[in-house]
Structures are given as structure tokens and as C-alpha cells.
Amino acid sequence: MDYLESFVALTGHLAWPLTAAKEGLIIKTQQGAIASLQAEQDQVKSLLIRNFTANKSDGPTLQRSDPAPDPYARLCELASAYLTIDITDYRERTLAKNAAAADMALHVVANKIDKDRLANEHSEGLVIALAESIILTAEPGDAERLLRSAQFAQRPHVRFRVLMAFVKLFERALLPPAALDPLKDILSKYEQGADQPLAKLIAIVHSFISLNEGAHGIPMQRS
């Protein structure tokens, strides 16, 4: 089930006091947001493929006089650069942060950086690097990694991308029932001071939790 189908399936569980017209508008808006995420993932994957293709050579390898840079050290540099992004315009700032986060995801995947190592980092730049790499290539064990890392997210943009990574794990059926209660705790923390986009995403993730609790026979209680 993809993002759009999942969202349509769970919209009936959203406790929003809206009229039918307003519900339709909200649903279409959220569907558009989720569709945009899917398009973004496709674009990032395309960039990754092109990156591998561009670096593939059938000829002899050129000798370097200097040692190859440490991929993890380079990731830390990218993470630090992400944290320095300070653009007044909200849209331009978000676009710049998304681009920086995508660069980190490509770097993590291309260099096979250990996600377990990332999950133990406290820097928000590395938190979003882990989240973005999960959005790009979710795999077993990512739920536990992301739960460990998510508690260190403070910026709304980082928290938003962390929750999008959890949505990806829901979509791939990679979020075990035991992770639902810890995720509720994360949502409770993220609700404090959440801006509008983050608050809407929190509501969606709550609904995914309720849907999954119902599927596993767990009492559906929201924190």
C-alpha cells in the first residue's frame, strides 16, 4: 500500500471537527503533500542512480596523491553545513534544508555508512541524515535506530523529516508493534511548540498508529 492509499484508508480515523467540504479539502491537501514526498523520493533515487553511473568508469583508475576523504568525516561536514542554513524566507530556507538533507542521504547510501553509528549520534544534522537515508532506503532495524535518534531532534524541520521517515517505515511494514508506544512518546514531545506543518503530520502519524494498533488487536489509545 503506497502513501496515498494508506492515507485514504486512515482518514476516517482522524478526529478533526470539520464539515464534509472542509474534510475533502484537507484530505486533498494532505494527499498532495504525501504525493510530493513520493515524487521527492523518486527524484532522489534518480539522482543516486545518476551519481553511481557518473562515477562508474570502464578505464583504468587514476592514482591519487592524497588519501581518499573519510566518508563519515565528510558526512559530519555536510551535517554541520545543514545546521548553519539561515535564510529569512521560509520557503527558500525549507528548500535549502531539503536539498542539504537529500545530499546527506545520498552520501550515507552511496558510501554505505553504518546506520547504527548514526543512531547513536546526538547532532541534529546527523539525526536528519539518518532519517533521510531511511526515507531513501528503509530496511529492517531502522525503526529501532530512528527511535533512538528521534529524541535528539529539536528543530521543526528535523522533526518533520524524522516523522516522514516513520511514515516510510509504516508504508514498508517495518515498524513493529513494540515500537508504537515509544513513537507515541516521541509525538508527545514533538507536539510541544509544533508549527502548522509539523502539527498536521503529527496528526497523520497518530492515525497510522491507531490503524496499526487496531490491526494488531491493541487498544487504540492516544497519548
C-alpha atoms as a PDB file:
ATOM      1  CA  MET A   1       0.000   0.000   0.000  1.00  0.00           C
ATOM      2  CA  ASP A   2       1.539   3.349  -1.016  1.00  0.00           C
ATOM      3  CA  TYR A   3       1.297   6.694   0.802  1.00  0.00           C
ATOM      4  CA  LEU A   4      -1.874   7.829  -0.954  1.00  0.00           C
ATOM      5  CA  GLU A   5      -3.733   4.560  -0.406  1.00  0.00           C
ATOM      6  CA  SER A   6      -2.629   4.437   3.225  1.00  0.00           C
ATOM      7  CA  PHE A   7      -3.797   7.973   3.832  1.00  0.00           C
ATOM      8  CA  VAL A   8      -7.183   7.365   2.210  1.00  0.00           C
ATOM      9  CA  ALA A   9      -7.604   4.246   4.349  1.00  0.00           C
ATOM     10  CA  LEU A  10      -6.924   6.066   7.586  1.00  0.00           C
ATOM     11  CA  THR A  11      -8.663   9.416   7.055  1.00  0.00           C
ATOM     12  CA  GLY A  12     -11.785   8.089   8.708  1.00  0.00           C
ATOM     13  CA  HIS A  13      -9.793   7.713  11.940  1.00  0.00           C
ATOM     14  CA  LEU A  14      -8.735  11.362  12.068  1.00  0.00           C
ATOM     15  CA  ALA A  15     -10.630  13.163  14.804  1.00  0.00           C
ATOM     16  CA  TRP A  16     -10.916  16.510  13.072  1.00  0.00           C
ATOM     17  CA  PRO A  17     -14.121  18.539  13.739  1.00  0.00           C
ATOM     18  CA  LEU A  18     -14.619  19.570  10.138  1.00  0.00           C
ATOM     19  CA  THR A  19     -17.506  19.757   7.731  1.00  0.00           C
ATOM     20  CA  ALA A  20     -17.575  17.360   4.783  1.00  0.00           C
ATOM     21  CA  ALA A  21     -16.373  20.124   2.464  1.00  0.00           C
ATOM     22  CA  LYS A  22     -13.530  21.025   4.740  1.00  0.00           C
ATOM     23  CA  GLU A  23     -12.617  17.380   5.173  1.00  0.00           C
ATOM     24  CA  GLY A  24     -12.386  16.985   1.423  1.00  0.00           C
ATOM     25  CA  LEU A  25     -10.114  19.996   1.199  1.00  0.00           C
ATOM     26  CA  ILE A  26      -7.849  18.788   3.995  1.00  0.00           C
ATOM     27  CA  ILE A  27      -7.680  15.283   2.547  1.00  0.00           C
ATOM     28  CA  LYS A  28      -6.739  16.625  -0.881  1.00  0.00           C
ATOM     29  CA  THR A  29      -4.118  18.887   0.683  1.00  0.00           C
ATOM     30  CA  GLN A  30      -2.586  16.055   2.664  1.00  0.00           C
ATOM     31  CA  GLN A  31      -2.729  13.718  -0.319  1.00  0.00           C
ATOM     32  CA  GLY A  32      -0.842  16.326  -2.285  1.00  0.00           C
ATOM     33  CA  ALA A  33       1.779  16.568   0.457  1.00  0.00           C
ATOM     34  CA  ILE A  34       2.235  12.812   0.562  1.00  0.00           C
ATOM     35  CA  ALA A  35       2.345  12.602  -3.234  1.00  0.00           C
ATOM     36  CA  SER A  36       5.029  15.291  -3.164  1.00  0.00           C
ATOM     37  CA  LEU A  37       7.063  13.157  -0.775  1.00  0.00           C
ATOM     38  CA  GLN A  38       6.788  10.181  -3.127  1.00  0.00           C
ATOM     39  CA  ALA A  39       7.875  12.355  -6.039  1.00  0.00           C
ATOM     40  CA  GLU A  40      10.773  13.634  -3.952  1.00  0.00           C
ATOM     41  CA  GLN A  41      11.871  10.097  -3.134  1.00  0.00           C
ATOM     42  CA  ASP A  42      11.743   9.149  -6.808  1.00  0.00           C
ATOM     43  CA  GLN A  43      13.826  12.204  -7.667  1.00  0.00           C
ATOM     44  CA  VAL A  44      16.426  11.421  -5.014  1.00  0.00           C
ATOM     45  CA  LYS A  45      16.652   7.806  -6.172  1.00  0.00           C
ATOM     46  CA  SER A  46      17.126   9.037  -9.725  1.00  0.00           C
ATOM     47  CA  LEU A  47      19.930  11.328  -8.565  1.00  0.00           C
ATOM     48  CA  LEU A  48      21.539   8.423  -6.744  1.00  0.00           C
ATOM     49  CA  ILE A  49      21.466   6.238  -9.862  1.00  0.00           C
ATOM     50  CA  ARG A  50      22.932   9.050 -11.949  1.00  0.00           C
ATOM     51  CA  ASN A  51      25.609   9.609  -9.326  1.00  0.00           C
ATOM     52  CA  PHE A  52      26.645   5.946  -9.448  1.00  0.00           C
ATOM     53  CA  THR A  53      26.590   5.987 -13.272  1.00  0.00           C
ATOM     54  CA  ALA A  54      28.700   9.118 -13.486  1.00  0.00           C
ATOM     55  CA  ASN A  55      31.326   7.639 -11.185  1.00  0.00           C
ATOM     56  CA  LYS A  56      31.489   4.286 -12.987  1.00  0.00           C
ATOM     57  CA  SER A  57      34.460   4.009 -15.323  1.00  0.00           C
ATOM     58  CA  ASP A  58      35.482   1.243 -17.719  1.00  0.00           C
ATOM     59  CA  GLY A  59      39.021   2.580 -17.937  1.00  0.00           C
ATOM     60  CA  PRO A  60      41.951   2.382 -15.517  1.00  0.00           C
ATOM     61  CA  THR A  61      41.583   4.037 -12.128  1.00  0.00           C
ATOM     62  CA  LEU A  62      43.563   7.258 -11.765  1.00  0.00           C
ATOM     63  CA  GLN A  63      46.097   7.310  -8.950  1.00  0.00           C
ATOM     64  CA  ARG A  64      45.575   9.889  -6.226  1.00  0.00           C
ATOM     65  CA  SER A  65      48.447  11.585  -4.471  1.00  0.00           C
ATOM     66  CA  ASP A  66      46.228  12.356  -1.476  1.00  0.00           C
ATOM     67  CA  PRO A  67      44.240   9.820   0.571  1.00  0.00           C
ATOM     68  CA  ALA A  68      40.536   9.457  -0.102  1.00  0.00           C
ATOM     69  CA  PRO A  69      38.456  11.512   2.335  1.00  0.00           C
ATOM     70  CA  ASP A  70      36.812   9.655   5.207  1.00  0.00           C
ATOM     71  CA  PRO A  71      33.121   9.291   4.237  1.00  0.00           C
ATOM     72  CA  TYR A  72      31.928   9.703   7.827  1.00  0.00           C
ATOM     73  CA  ALA A  73      34.017  12.835   8.331  1.00  0.00           C
ATOM     74  CA  ARG A  74      32.550  14.218   5.115  1.00  0.00           C
ATOM     75  CA  LEU A  75      29.042  13.420   6.357  1.00  0.00           C
ATOM     76  CA  CYS A  76      29.760  15.335   9.561  1.00  0.00           C
ATOM     77  CA  GLU A  77      30.817  18.305   7.434  1.00  0.00           C
ATOM     78  CA  LEU A  78      27.559  18.128   5.474  1.00  0.00           C
ATOM     79  CA  ALA A  79      25.609  17.848   8.741  1.00  0.00           C
ATOM     80  CA  SER A  80      27.341  20.906  10.164  1.00  0.00           C
ATOM     81  CA  ALA A  81      26.617  22.855   6.963  1.00  0.00           C
ATOM     82  CA  TYR A  82      22.931  21.902   7.244  1.00  0.00           C
ATOM     83  CA  LEU A  83      22.782  23.349  10.746  1.00  0.00           C
ATOM     84  CA  THR A  84      24.170  26.692   9.545  1.00  0.00           C
ATOM     85  CA  ILE A  85      21.436  27.279   6.952  1.00  0.00           C
ATOM     86  CA  ASP A  86      19.835  30.581   7.927  1.00  0.00           C
ATOM     87  CA  ILE A  87      17.623  32.064   5.215  1.00  0.00           C
ATOM     88  CA  THR A  88      14.919  34.556   6.137  1.00  0.00           C
ATOM     89  CA  ASP A  89      12.341  33.426   3.582  1.00  0.00           C
ATOM     90  CA  TYR A  90      10.557  30.318   4.902  1.00  0.00           C
ATOM     91  CA  ARG A  91      10.101  28.657   1.512  1.00  0.00           C
ATOM     92  CA  GLU A  92      13.679  29.253   0.401  1.00  0.00           C
ATOM     93  CA  ARG A  93      15.009  28.096   3.765  1.00  0.00           C
ATOM     94  CA  THR A  94      12.965  24.891   3.591  1.00  0.00           C
ATOM     95  CA  LEU A  95      14.118  24.192   0.038  1.00  0.00           C
ATOM     96  CA  ALA A  96      17.737  24.708   1.051  1.00  0.00           C
ATOM     97  CA  LYS A  97      17.369  22.407   4.051  1.00  0.00           C
ATOM     98  CA  ASN A  98      15.630  19.748   1.953  1.00  0.00           C
ATOM     99  CA  ALA A  99      18.444  19.878  -0.598  1.00  0.00           C
ATOM    100  CA  ALA A 100      21.107  19.611   2.100  1.00  0.00           C
ATOM    101  CA  ALA A 101      19.276  16.699   3.724  1.00  0.00           C
ATOM    102  CA  ALA A 102      18.977  14.921   0.365  1.00  0.00           C
ATOM    103  CA  ASP A 103      22.730  15.332  -0.179  1.00  0.00           C
ATOM    104  CA  MET A 104      23.349  13.667   3.168  1.00  0.00           C
ATOM    105  CA  ALA A 105      21.010  10.786   2.336  1.00  0.00           C
ATOM    106  CA  LEU A 106      22.815  10.188  -0.954  1.00  0.00           C
ATOM    107  CA  HIS A 107      26.148  10.277   0.839  1.00  0.00           C
ATOM    108  CA  VAL A 108      25.010   7.793   3.504  1.00  0.00           C
ATOM    109  CA  VAL A 109      23.657   5.326   0.950  1.00  0.00           C
ATOM    110  CA  ALA A 110      26.433   5.707  -1.623  1.00  0.00           C
ATOM    111  CA  ASN A 111      29.145   5.197   0.993  1.00  0.00           C
ATOM    112  CA  LYS A 112      27.263   2.513   2.953  1.00  0.00           C
ATOM    113  CA  ILE A 113      27.641   4.460   6.176  1.00  0.00           C
ATOM    114  CA  ASP A 114      26.637   2.451   9.237  1.00  0.00           C
ATOM    115  CA  LYS A 115      23.130   3.492  10.315  1.00  0.00           C
ATOM    116  CA  ASP A 116      23.735   2.103  13.797  1.00  0.00           C
ATOM    117  CA  ARG A 117      26.576   4.565  14.207  1.00  0.00           C
ATOM    118  CA  LEU A 118      24.309   7.382  13.071  1.00  0.00           C
ATOM    119  CA  ALA A 119      21.589   6.307  15.503  1.00  0.00           C
ATOM    120  CA  ASN A 120      23.973   6.911  18.413  1.00  0.00           C
ATOM    121  CA  GLU A 121      24.748  10.498  17.384  1.00  0.00           C
ATOM    122  CA  HIS A 122      23.136  13.474  19.127  1.00  0.00           C
ATOM    123  CA  SER A 123      23.754  16.132  16.465  1.00  0.00           C
ATOM    124  CA  GLU A 124      20.563  17.193  14.693  1.00  0.00           C
ATOM    125  CA  GLY A 125      22.462  17.276  11.429  1.00  0.00           C
ATOM    126  CA  LEU A 126      23.195  13.568  11.771  1.00  0.00           C
ATOM    127  CA  VAL A 127      19.673  12.859  13.047  1.00  0.00           C
ATOM    128  CA  ILE A 128      18.221  14.171   9.797  1.00  0.00           C
ATOM    129  CA  ALA A 129      20.908  12.327   7.828  1.00  0.00           C
ATOM    130  CA  LEU A 130      19.670   9.068   9.343  1.00  0.00           C
ATOM    131  CA  ALA A 131      16.012   9.977   8.756  1.00  0.00           C
ATOM    132  CA  GLU A 132      16.605  10.896   5.124  1.00  0.00           C
ATOM    133  CA  SER A 133      18.611   7.744   4.459  1.00  0.00           C
ATOM    134  CA  ILE A 134      15.690   5.717   5.855  1.00  0.00           C
ATOM    135  CA  ILE A 135      13.246   7.556   3.601  1.00  0.00           C
ATOM    136  CA  LEU A 136      15.520   6.660   0.684  1.00  0.00           C
ATOM    137  CA  THR A 137      16.267   3.054   1.632  1.00  0.00           C
ATOM    138  CA  ALA A 138      14.206   1.723   4.546  1.00  0.00           C
ATOM    139  CA  GLU A 139      15.302  -1.650   5.891  1.00  0.00           C
ATOM    140  CA  PRO A 140      14.739  -3.945   8.894  1.00  0.00           C
ATOM    141  CA  GLY A 141      16.108  -2.465  12.117  1.00  0.00           C
ATOM    142  CA  ASP A 142      15.523   1.138  11.036  1.00  0.00           C
ATOM    143  CA  ALA A 143      12.580   1.585  13.439  1.00  0.00           C
ATOM    144  CA  GLU A 144      14.757   0.952  16.476  1.00  0.00           C
ATOM    145  CA  ARG A 145      17.509   3.157  15.058  1.00  0.00           C
ATOM    146  CA  LEU A 146      15.120   6.011  14.367  1.00  0.00           C
ATOM    147  CA  LEU A 147      13.504   5.782  17.809  1.00  0.00           C
ATOM    148  CA  ARG A 148      16.942   6.146  19.407  1.00  0.00           C
ATOM    149  CA  SER A 149      17.804   9.108  17.234  1.00  0.00           C
ATOM    150  CA  ALA A 150      14.432  10.906  17.190  1.00  0.00           C
ATOM    151  CA  GLN A 151      14.655  12.108  20.786  1.00  0.00           C
ATOM    152  CA  PHE A 152      17.507  14.445  19.846  1.00  0.00           C
ATOM    153  CA  ALA A 153      15.555  16.316  17.153  1.00  0.00           C
ATOM    154  CA  GLN A 154      14.674  19.862  18.211  1.00  0.00           C
ATOM    155  CA  ARG A 155      14.211  21.898  15.031  1.00  0.00           C
ATOM    156  CA  PRO A 156      10.752  21.654  13.392  1.00  0.00           C
ATOM    157  CA  HIS A 157      12.303  20.742  10.036  1.00  0.00           C
ATOM    158  CA  VAL A 158      14.337  17.911  11.551  1.00  0.00           C
ATOM    159  CA  ARG A 159      11.308  16.629  13.467  1.00  0.00           C
ATOM    160  CA  PHE A 160       9.173  16.785  10.306  1.00  0.00           C
ATOM    161  CA  ARG A 161      11.658  14.707   8.316  1.00  0.00           C
ATOM    162  CA  VAL A 162      12.025  12.231  11.182  1.00  0.00           C
ATOM    163  CA  LEU A 163       8.255  11.690  11.153  1.00  0.00           C
ATOM    164  CA  MET A 164       8.300  11.281   7.370  1.00  0.00           C
ATOM    165  CA  ALA A 165      10.840   8.503   7.914  1.00  0.00           C
ATOM    166  CA  PHE A 166       8.393   6.849  10.331  1.00  0.00           C
ATOM    167  CA  VAL A 167       5.688   7.154   7.650  1.00  0.00           C
ATOM    168  CA  LYS A 168       8.050   5.366   5.273  1.00  0.00           C
ATOM    169  CA  LEU A 169       8.506   2.586   7.835  1.00  0.00           C
ATOM    170  CA  PHE A 170       4.726   2.286   8.211  1.00  0.00           C
ATOM    171  CA  GLU A 171       4.400   2.022   4.432  1.00  0.00           C
ATOM    172  CA  ARG A 172       7.039  -0.718   4.243  1.00  0.00           C
ATOM    173  CA  ALA A 173       5.567  -2.604   7.252  1.00  0.00           C
ATOM    174  CA  LEU A 174       8.882  -2.137   9.049  1.00  0.00           C
ATOM    175  CA  LEU A 175       7.512  -0.635  12.262  1.00  0.00           C
ATOM    176  CA  PRO A 176       6.867  -3.454  14.764  1.00  0.00           C
ATOM    177  CA  PRO A 177       4.005  -3.222  17.315  1.00  0.00           C
ATOM    178  CA  ALA A 178       6.548  -2.801  20.124  1.00  0.00           C
ATOM    179  CA  ALA A 179       7.646   0.483  18.560  1.00  0.00           C
ATOM    180  CA  LEU A 180       4.207   2.109  18.719  1.00  0.00           C
ATOM    181  CA  ASP A 181       4.282   3.223  22.356  1.00  0.00           C
ATOM    182  CA  PRO A 182       7.803   4.713  22.085  1.00  0.00           C
ATOM    183  CA  LEU A 183       6.652   6.509  18.946  1.00  0.00           C
ATOM    184  CA  LYS A 184       3.698   7.969  20.873  1.00  0.00           C
ATOM    185  CA  ASP A 185       6.182   9.368  23.380  1.00  0.00           C
ATOM    186  CA  ILE A 186       8.110  10.968  20.521  1.00  0.00           C
ATOM    187  CA  LEU A 187       4.904  12.504  19.147  1.00  0.00           C
ATOM    188  CA  SER A 188       4.002  13.878  22.574  1.00  0.00           C
ATOM    189  CA  LYS A 189       7.388  15.587  22.718  1.00  0.00           C
ATOM    190  CA  TYR A 190       7.118  16.906  19.168  1.00  0.00           C
ATOM    191  CA  GLU A 191       3.659  18.373  19.823  1.00  0.00           C
ATOM    192  CA  GLN A 192       5.201  20.956  22.142  1.00  0.00           C
ATOM    193  CA  GLY A 193       5.669  24.107  20.083  1.00  0.00           C
ATOM    194  CA  ALA A 194       4.947  22.367  16.759  1.00  0.00           C
ATOM    195  CA  ASP A 195       4.356  24.649  13.778  1.00  0.00           C
ATOM    196  CA  GLN A 196       1.397  24.031  11.461  1.00  0.00           C
ATOM    197  CA  PRO A 197       3.054  21.602   9.002  1.00  0.00           C
ATOM    198  CA  LEU A 198       4.531  19.565  11.843  1.00  0.00           C
ATOM    199  CA  ALA A 199       1.240  19.530  13.769  1.00  0.00           C
ATOM    200  CA  LYS A 200      -0.610  18.192  10.720  1.00  0.00           C
ATOM    201  CA  LEU A 201       1.974  15.468  10.207  1.00  0.00           C
ATOM    202  CA  ILE A 202       1.784  14.510  13.883  1.00  0.00           C
ATOM    203  CA  ALA A 203      -1.984  14.005  13.447  1.00  0.00           C
ATOM    204  CA  ILE A 204      -1.351  11.754  10.448  1.00  0.00           C
ATOM    205  CA  VAL A 205       1.209   9.650  12.318  1.00  0.00           C
ATOM    206  CA  HIS A 206      -1.194   9.312  15.264  1.00  0.00           C
ATOM    207  CA  SER A 207      -3.722   7.923  12.804  1.00  0.00           C
ATOM    208  CA  PHE A 208      -1.215   5.453  11.394  1.00  0.00           C
ATOM    209  CA  ILE A 209      -0.585   4.297  14.954  1.00  0.00           C
ATOM    210  CA  SER A 210      -4.307   3.857  15.630  1.00  0.00           C
ATOM    211  CA  LEU A 211      -4.711   1.929  12.385  1.00  0.00           C
ATOM    212  CA  ASN A 212      -1.827  -0.386  13.257  1.00  0.00           C
ATOM    213  CA  GLU A 213      -2.969  -0.869  16.843  1.00  0.00           C
ATOM    214  CA  GLY A 214      -6.374  -1.925  15.536  1.00  0.00           C
ATOM    215  CA  ALA A 215      -4.748  -4.343  13.110  1.00  0.00           C
ATOM    216  CA  HIS A 216      -2.803  -5.971  15.948  1.00  0.00           C
ATOM    217  CA  GLY A 217      -5.682  -6.014  18.448  1.00  0.00           C
ATOM    218  CA  ILE A 218      -4.049  -3.392  20.671  1.00  0.00           C
ATOM    219  CA  PRO A 219      -6.418  -0.954  22.467  1.00  0.00           C
ATOM    220  CA  MET A 220      -6.369   2.265  20.475  1.00  0.00           C
ATOM    221  CA  GLN A 221      -5.457   4.944  22.973  1.00  0.00           C
ATOM    222  CA  ARG A 222      -3.751   8.170  22.060  1.00  0.00           C
ATOM    223  CA  SER A 223      -1.121   9.643  24.317  1.00  0.00           C
END
